[in-house]
N, C-alpha and C. Protein backbone atom coordinates (compact mmCIF):
# COMPACT_ATOMS: atom_id res chain seq x y z
N UNK A 1 44.34 12.54 0.66
CA UNK A 1 44.15 11.11 0.48
C UNK A 1 43.79 10.84 -0.97
N UNK A 2 44.25 9.74 -1.53
CA UNK A 2 44.02 9.31 -2.89
C UNK A 2 42.53 9.04 -3.11
N UNK A 3 41.98 9.48 -4.26
CA UNK A 3 40.56 9.25 -4.53
C UNK A 3 40.35 8.17 -5.58
N UNK A 4 41.36 7.35 -5.81
CA UNK A 4 41.24 6.26 -6.77
C UNK A 4 40.20 5.25 -6.28
N UNK A 5 39.53 4.58 -7.21
CA UNK A 5 38.55 3.58 -6.80
C UNK A 5 39.21 2.44 -6.03
N UNK A 6 38.43 1.84 -5.19
CA UNK A 6 38.93 0.73 -4.38
C UNK A 6 38.39 -0.57 -4.97
N UNK A 7 39.01 -1.67 -4.59
CA UNK A 7 38.57 -2.98 -5.11
C UNK A 7 37.19 -3.32 -4.54
N UNK A 8 36.49 -4.15 -5.27
CA UNK A 8 35.14 -4.53 -4.83
C UNK A 8 35.19 -5.29 -3.51
N UNK A 9 36.23 -6.08 -3.31
CA UNK A 9 36.37 -6.83 -2.05
C UNK A 9 36.49 -5.89 -0.86
N UNK A 10 37.31 -4.84 -1.01
CA UNK A 10 37.49 -3.88 0.08
C UNK A 10 36.22 -3.06 0.27
N UNK A 11 35.56 -2.69 -0.82
CA UNK A 11 34.31 -1.92 -0.73
C UNK A 11 33.22 -2.75 -0.03
N UNK A 12 33.13 -4.03 -0.34
CA UNK A 12 32.16 -4.89 0.33
C UNK A 12 32.44 -4.99 1.82
N UNK A 13 33.73 -5.05 2.17
CA UNK A 13 34.09 -5.10 3.60
C UNK A 13 33.71 -3.79 4.28
N UNK A 14 33.93 -2.66 3.60
CA UNK A 14 33.57 -1.37 4.18
C UNK A 14 32.06 -1.26 4.37
N UNK A 15 31.31 -1.75 3.42
CA UNK A 15 29.84 -1.73 3.54
C UNK A 15 29.39 -2.60 4.70
N UNK A 16 30.02 -3.76 4.85
CA UNK A 16 29.67 -4.64 5.97
C UNK A 16 29.97 -3.96 7.30
N UNK A 17 31.12 -3.28 7.39
CA UNK A 17 31.44 -2.54 8.63
C UNK A 17 30.43 -1.42 8.86
N UNK A 18 30.05 -0.72 7.79
CA UNK A 18 29.08 0.39 7.92
C UNK A 18 27.75 -0.14 8.47
N UNK A 19 27.29 -1.25 7.92
CA UNK A 19 26.02 -1.83 8.39
C UNK A 19 26.12 -2.27 9.84
N UNK A 20 27.25 -2.88 10.19
CA UNK A 20 27.44 -3.36 11.57
C UNK A 20 27.46 -2.19 12.55
N UNK A 21 28.22 -1.14 12.20
CA UNK A 21 28.38 -0.03 13.14
C UNK A 21 27.15 0.89 13.17
N UNK A 22 26.46 1.04 12.03
CA UNK A 22 25.27 1.89 12.00
C UNK A 22 24.08 1.25 12.68
N UNK A 23 24.08 -0.06 12.82
CA UNK A 23 22.96 -0.75 13.46
C UNK A 23 22.91 -0.44 14.95
N UNK A 24 24.01 0.07 15.51
CA UNK A 24 24.02 0.42 16.92
C UNK A 24 24.23 -0.77 17.83
N UNK A 25 24.39 -1.94 17.25
CA UNK A 25 24.56 -3.13 18.08
C UNK A 25 26.00 -3.61 18.09
N UNK A 26 26.94 -2.76 17.61
CA UNK A 26 28.35 -3.15 17.58
C UNK A 26 28.93 -3.26 18.99
N UNK A 27 29.61 -4.35 19.23
CA UNK A 27 30.23 -4.57 20.54
C UNK A 27 31.58 -3.85 20.57
N UNK A 28 32.15 -3.66 21.76
CA UNK A 28 33.49 -3.05 21.83
C UNK A 28 34.53 -3.85 21.03
N UNK A 29 34.38 -5.15 20.99
CA UNK A 29 35.30 -5.98 20.20
C UNK A 29 35.17 -5.67 18.71
N UNK A 30 33.92 -5.47 18.27
CA UNK A 30 33.71 -5.15 16.85
C UNK A 30 34.28 -3.77 16.53
N UNK A 31 34.13 -2.81 17.43
CA UNK A 31 34.69 -1.47 17.20
C UNK A 31 36.21 -1.52 17.12
N UNK A 32 36.84 -2.30 17.98
CA UNK A 32 38.30 -2.40 17.93
C UNK A 32 38.74 -3.17 16.68
N UNK A 33 37.97 -4.17 16.25
CA UNK A 33 38.29 -4.89 15.03
C UNK A 33 38.16 -3.96 13.82
N UNK A 34 37.14 -3.09 13.83
CA UNK A 34 36.99 -2.12 12.75
C UNK A 34 38.18 -1.16 12.72
N UNK A 35 38.59 -0.70 13.88
CA UNK A 35 39.74 0.21 13.95
C UNK A 35 40.99 -0.45 13.38
N UNK A 36 41.19 -1.71 13.68
CA UNK A 36 42.34 -2.44 13.13
C UNK A 36 42.21 -2.58 11.61
N UNK A 37 41.00 -2.92 11.14
CA UNK A 37 40.77 -3.06 9.69
C UNK A 37 41.05 -1.73 9.00
N UNK A 38 40.51 -0.64 9.55
CA UNK A 38 40.65 0.69 8.96
C UNK A 38 42.12 1.10 8.87
N UNK A 39 42.88 0.83 9.91
CA UNK A 39 44.29 1.24 9.96
C UNK A 39 45.21 0.28 9.19
N UNK A 40 44.73 -0.87 8.82
CA UNK A 40 45.59 -1.88 8.19
C UNK A 40 46.03 -1.50 6.79
N UNK A 41 45.26 -0.69 6.10
CA UNK A 41 45.59 -0.40 4.70
C UNK A 41 45.07 0.98 4.32
N UNK A 42 45.82 1.63 3.44
CA UNK A 42 45.38 2.94 2.93
C UNK A 42 44.12 2.75 2.08
N UNK A 43 44.01 1.60 1.42
CA UNK A 43 42.83 1.31 0.60
C UNK A 43 41.59 1.15 1.48
N UNK A 44 41.74 0.59 2.67
CA UNK A 44 40.61 0.46 3.60
C UNK A 44 40.12 1.85 4.01
N UNK A 45 41.06 2.72 4.36
CA UNK A 45 40.69 4.09 4.77
C UNK A 45 40.03 4.83 3.62
N UNK A 46 40.55 4.64 2.40
CA UNK A 46 39.97 5.29 1.23
C UNK A 46 38.55 4.77 0.96
N UNK A 47 38.35 3.46 1.10
CA UNK A 47 37.01 2.89 0.91
C UNK A 47 36.04 3.45 1.94
N UNK A 48 36.49 3.56 3.19
CA UNK A 48 35.63 4.11 4.24
C UNK A 48 35.28 5.57 3.94
N UNK A 49 36.25 6.33 3.44
CA UNK A 49 36.01 7.75 3.12
C UNK A 49 35.03 7.86 1.95
N UNK A 50 35.21 7.06 0.92
CA UNK A 50 34.31 7.10 -0.23
C UNK A 50 32.90 6.67 0.16
N UNK A 51 32.81 5.69 1.02
CA UNK A 51 31.49 5.24 1.48
C UNK A 51 30.80 6.34 2.29
N UNK A 52 31.58 7.03 3.13
CA UNK A 52 31.02 8.14 3.90
C UNK A 52 30.54 9.28 3.02
N UNK A 53 31.31 9.59 1.96
CA UNK A 53 30.90 10.65 1.02
C UNK A 53 29.61 10.26 0.31
N UNK A 54 29.51 9.00 -0.08
CA UNK A 54 28.29 8.52 -0.72
C UNK A 54 27.11 8.60 0.22
N UNK A 55 27.33 8.23 1.46
CA UNK A 55 26.28 8.28 2.47
C UNK A 55 25.79 9.72 2.67
N UNK A 56 26.72 10.68 2.66
CA UNK A 56 26.33 12.09 2.82
C UNK A 56 25.53 12.57 1.63
N UNK A 57 25.94 12.19 0.41
CA UNK A 57 25.19 12.62 -0.78
C UNK A 57 23.79 12.05 -0.79
N UNK A 58 23.67 10.78 -0.43
CA UNK A 58 22.35 10.15 -0.40
C UNK A 58 21.49 10.79 0.69
N UNK A 59 22.11 11.07 1.85
CA UNK A 59 21.36 11.69 2.94
C UNK A 59 20.88 13.07 2.59
N UNK A 60 21.70 13.85 1.88
CA UNK A 60 21.30 15.20 1.47
C UNK A 60 20.19 15.15 0.44
N UNK A 61 20.27 14.21 -0.47
CA UNK A 61 19.24 14.09 -1.50
C UNK A 61 17.95 13.54 -0.93
N UNK A 62 18.04 12.74 0.11
CA UNK A 62 16.85 12.10 0.67
C UNK A 62 15.97 13.11 1.40
N UNK A 63 16.54 14.22 1.86
CA UNK A 63 15.76 15.20 2.61
C UNK A 63 14.56 15.71 1.83
N UNK A 64 14.77 16.38 0.67
CA UNK A 64 13.63 16.87 -0.11
C UNK A 64 12.78 15.74 -0.68
N UNK A 65 13.44 14.66 -1.10
CA UNK A 65 12.68 13.54 -1.67
C UNK A 65 11.79 12.90 -0.61
N UNK A 66 12.33 12.75 0.59
CA UNK A 66 11.56 12.15 1.69
C UNK A 66 10.37 13.04 2.04
N UNK A 67 10.61 14.35 2.08
CA UNK A 67 9.52 15.29 2.40
C UNK A 67 8.42 15.21 1.35
N UNK A 68 8.81 15.16 0.06
CA UNK A 68 7.82 15.05 -1.01
C UNK A 68 7.04 13.76 -0.90
N UNK A 69 7.73 12.67 -0.58
CA UNK A 69 7.05 11.38 -0.42
C UNK A 69 6.05 11.42 0.73
N UNK A 70 6.45 12.00 1.85
CA UNK A 70 5.54 12.08 2.99
C UNK A 70 4.33 12.95 2.67
N UNK A 71 4.55 14.04 1.95
CA UNK A 71 3.43 14.91 1.58
C UNK A 71 2.49 14.20 0.62
N UNK A 72 3.06 13.45 -0.34
CA UNK A 72 2.19 12.75 -1.28
C UNK A 72 1.39 11.66 -0.57
N UNK A 73 2.00 11.00 0.43
CA UNK A 73 1.26 9.98 1.19
C UNK A 73 0.12 10.61 1.97
N UNK A 74 0.39 11.76 2.59
CA UNK A 74 -0.67 12.42 3.36
C UNK A 74 -1.79 12.87 2.42
N UNK A 75 -1.43 13.40 1.25
CA UNK A 75 -2.44 13.81 0.28
C UNK A 75 -3.25 12.62 -0.21
N UNK A 76 -2.58 11.51 -0.44
CA UNK A 76 -3.27 10.30 -0.89
C UNK A 76 -4.24 9.82 0.18
N UNK A 77 -3.82 9.85 1.43
CA UNK A 77 -4.71 9.43 2.52
C UNK A 77 -5.95 10.32 2.58
N UNK A 78 -5.75 11.64 2.40
CA UNK A 78 -6.90 12.56 2.41
C UNK A 78 -7.85 12.27 1.26
N UNK A 79 -7.28 12.04 0.06
CA UNK A 79 -8.13 11.76 -1.10
C UNK A 79 -8.89 10.44 -0.92
N UNK A 80 -8.23 9.43 -0.37
CA UNK A 80 -8.91 8.15 -0.14
C UNK A 80 -10.01 8.33 0.90
N UNK A 81 -9.73 9.11 1.93
CA UNK A 81 -10.74 9.37 2.96
C UNK A 81 -11.95 10.08 2.38
N UNK A 82 -11.71 11.08 1.52
CA UNK A 82 -12.82 11.81 0.89
C UNK A 82 -13.62 10.89 -0.03
N UNK A 83 -12.91 10.06 -0.80
CA UNK A 83 -13.60 9.14 -1.71
C UNK A 83 -14.42 8.13 -0.91
N UNK A 84 -13.86 7.63 0.19
CA UNK A 84 -14.59 6.69 1.03
C UNK A 84 -15.84 7.31 1.63
N UNK A 85 -15.72 8.56 2.07
CA UNK A 85 -16.88 9.25 2.63
C UNK A 85 -17.94 9.47 1.56
N UNK A 86 -17.52 9.84 0.36
CA UNK A 86 -18.47 10.04 -0.73
C UNK A 86 -19.17 8.74 -1.09
N UNK A 87 -18.41 7.66 -1.17
CA UNK A 87 -18.98 6.36 -1.50
C UNK A 87 -19.98 5.92 -0.43
N UNK A 88 -19.61 6.11 0.84
CA UNK A 88 -20.52 5.74 1.92
C UNK A 88 -21.81 6.55 1.85
N UNK A 89 -21.69 7.84 1.54
CA UNK A 89 -22.88 8.69 1.41
C UNK A 89 -23.77 8.24 0.27
N UNK A 90 -23.16 7.89 -0.86
CA UNK A 90 -23.96 7.43 -2.00
C UNK A 90 -24.66 6.11 -1.70
N UNK A 91 -23.96 5.20 -1.02
CA UNK A 91 -24.59 3.94 -0.66
C UNK A 91 -25.75 4.14 0.31
N UNK A 92 -25.56 5.04 1.25
CA UNK A 92 -26.62 5.34 2.20
C UNK A 92 -27.83 5.94 1.49
N UNK A 93 -27.57 6.86 0.58
CA UNK A 93 -28.66 7.47 -0.18
C UNK A 93 -29.37 6.44 -1.05
N UNK A 94 -28.58 5.57 -1.72
CA UNK A 94 -29.17 4.52 -2.56
C UNK A 94 -30.02 3.56 -1.74
N UNK A 95 -29.53 3.19 -0.56
CA UNK A 95 -30.30 2.31 0.31
C UNK A 95 -31.60 2.95 0.76
N UNK A 96 -31.53 4.23 1.09
CA UNK A 96 -32.73 4.95 1.52
C UNK A 96 -33.76 5.02 0.39
N UNK A 97 -33.30 5.31 -0.82
CA UNK A 97 -34.21 5.37 -1.96
C UNK A 97 -34.82 4.00 -2.27
N UNK A 98 -34.01 2.94 -2.16
CA UNK A 98 -34.53 1.60 -2.40
C UNK A 98 -35.57 1.22 -1.36
N UNK A 99 -35.34 1.61 -0.12
CA UNK A 99 -36.31 1.32 0.95
C UNK A 99 -37.61 2.07 0.71
N UNK A 100 -37.49 3.35 0.29
CA UNK A 100 -38.69 4.16 0.03
C UNK A 100 -39.45 3.64 -1.19
N UNK A 101 -38.74 3.13 -2.19
CA UNK A 101 -39.41 2.65 -3.41
C UNK A 101 -40.16 1.35 -3.17
N UNK A 102 -39.76 0.61 -2.15
CA UNK A 102 -40.47 -0.62 -1.83
C UNK A 102 -40.00 -1.79 -2.68
N UNK A 103 -40.85 -2.80 -2.79
CA UNK A 103 -40.44 -4.05 -3.45
C UNK A 103 -40.23 -3.92 -4.95
N UNK A 104 -40.67 -2.84 -5.57
CA UNK A 104 -40.52 -2.73 -7.02
C UNK A 104 -39.06 -2.55 -7.43
N UNK A 105 -38.18 -2.25 -6.49
CA UNK A 105 -36.76 -2.14 -6.79
C UNK A 105 -35.97 -3.36 -6.35
N UNK A 106 -36.63 -4.33 -5.75
CA UNK A 106 -35.93 -5.53 -5.30
C UNK A 106 -35.49 -6.35 -6.50
N UNK A 107 -34.30 -6.97 -6.44
CA UNK A 107 -33.84 -7.77 -7.58
C UNK A 107 -34.79 -8.92 -7.93
N UNK A 108 -35.42 -9.50 -6.93
CA UNK A 108 -36.34 -10.61 -7.21
C UNK A 108 -37.54 -10.13 -8.05
N UNK A 109 -37.94 -8.89 -7.89
CA UNK A 109 -39.05 -8.34 -8.66
C UNK A 109 -38.67 -8.28 -10.14
N UNK A 110 -37.48 -7.80 -10.43
CA UNK A 110 -37.05 -7.63 -11.81
C UNK A 110 -36.62 -8.95 -12.45
N UNK A 111 -36.26 -9.96 -11.65
CA UNK A 111 -35.85 -11.24 -12.19
C UNK A 111 -37.02 -12.21 -12.37
N UNK A 112 -38.18 -11.86 -11.88
CA UNK A 112 -39.34 -12.75 -11.97
C UNK A 112 -39.85 -12.84 -13.40
N UNK A 113 -40.26 -14.07 -13.79
CA UNK A 113 -40.81 -14.27 -15.13
C UNK A 113 -42.25 -13.79 -15.21
N UNK A 114 -42.99 -13.88 -14.12
CA UNK A 114 -44.39 -13.44 -14.05
C UNK A 114 -44.57 -12.59 -12.81
N UNK A 115 -45.41 -11.56 -12.92
CA UNK A 115 -45.70 -10.69 -11.78
C UNK A 115 -47.20 -10.37 -11.76
N UNK A 116 -47.64 -9.96 -10.56
CA UNK A 116 -49.00 -9.42 -10.44
C UNK A 116 -48.90 -8.05 -9.78
N UNK A 117 -49.81 -7.21 -10.13
CA UNK A 117 -49.86 -5.89 -9.52
C UNK A 117 -50.54 -6.02 -8.15
N UNK A 118 -50.51 -4.96 -7.40
CA UNK A 118 -51.12 -4.97 -6.08
C UNK A 118 -52.61 -5.27 -6.22
N UNK A 119 -53.09 -6.27 -5.50
CA UNK A 119 -54.49 -6.65 -5.51
C UNK A 119 -54.89 -7.54 -6.68
N UNK A 120 -53.97 -7.84 -7.59
CA UNK A 120 -54.29 -8.65 -8.77
C UNK A 120 -54.16 -10.14 -8.45
N UNK A 121 -55.10 -10.94 -8.98
CA UNK A 121 -55.05 -12.39 -8.91
C UNK A 121 -54.92 -12.92 -10.34
N UNK A 122 -54.00 -13.87 -10.54
CA UNK A 122 -53.83 -14.43 -11.88
C UNK A 122 -53.58 -15.92 -11.76
N UNK A 123 -54.18 -16.66 -12.70
CA UNK A 123 -53.97 -18.10 -12.76
C UNK A 123 -53.22 -18.41 -14.05
N UNK A 124 -52.16 -19.20 -13.92
CA UNK A 124 -51.34 -19.55 -15.09
C UNK A 124 -51.24 -21.06 -15.19
N UNK A 125 -51.22 -21.56 -16.44
CA UNK A 125 -50.99 -22.99 -16.66
C UNK A 125 -49.56 -23.11 -17.20
N UNK A 126 -48.74 -23.91 -16.48
CA UNK A 126 -47.35 -24.10 -16.87
C UNK A 126 -47.25 -25.15 -17.97
N UNK A 127 -46.07 -25.27 -18.59
CA UNK A 127 -45.87 -26.17 -19.73
C UNK A 127 -46.14 -27.63 -19.37
N UNK A 128 -45.91 -28.01 -18.11
CA UNK A 128 -46.15 -29.41 -17.71
C UNK A 128 -47.59 -29.65 -17.27
N UNK A 129 -48.46 -28.62 -17.42
CA UNK A 129 -49.87 -28.77 -17.08
C UNK A 129 -50.21 -28.32 -15.68
N UNK A 130 -49.24 -27.94 -14.89
CA UNK A 130 -49.49 -27.49 -13.52
C UNK A 130 -50.23 -26.17 -13.56
N UNK A 131 -51.22 -26.02 -12.66
CA UNK A 131 -51.98 -24.78 -12.55
C UNK A 131 -51.37 -23.95 -11.44
N UNK A 132 -51.02 -22.71 -11.73
CA UNK A 132 -50.35 -21.83 -10.77
C UNK A 132 -51.21 -20.62 -10.51
N UNK A 133 -51.45 -20.31 -9.22
CA UNK A 133 -52.26 -19.13 -8.87
C UNK A 133 -51.33 -18.09 -8.26
N UNK A 134 -51.31 -16.90 -8.83
CA UNK A 134 -50.51 -15.78 -8.33
C UNK A 134 -51.38 -14.80 -7.62
N UNK A 135 -50.88 -14.29 -6.53
CA UNK A 135 -51.58 -13.28 -5.74
C UNK A 135 -50.57 -12.16 -5.50
N UNK A 136 -51.05 -11.01 -5.13
CA UNK A 136 -50.14 -9.91 -4.87
C UNK A 136 -49.36 -10.18 -3.58
């Protein structure tokens, strides 16, 4: 059979037939219409043959590439799982340390403009003249 390139119109028709027939939903009428299309011209048969050869080359190349992709996805999932476990452990440890340290690690403690120590009483006069009493 001639291996000359086929016209884009015939190649598009061959691709459409390939998609229809590979989907598995082709009716008997569609199969008989394809058979008529295929037999109608030597160019149709050549387009179908070239499309099949391309499909085989892509399928052969996809085997190792697909396997590598699946392995990289599995490795990525494992790394994400390990990172998530590590992060959860660090958060748990940080929370435990903050609880043990008490209020001195609370954000409100560090954001306060004035503080008193445990058992300390302090009286402050604000800029507007208000008298403020602080207790521990």
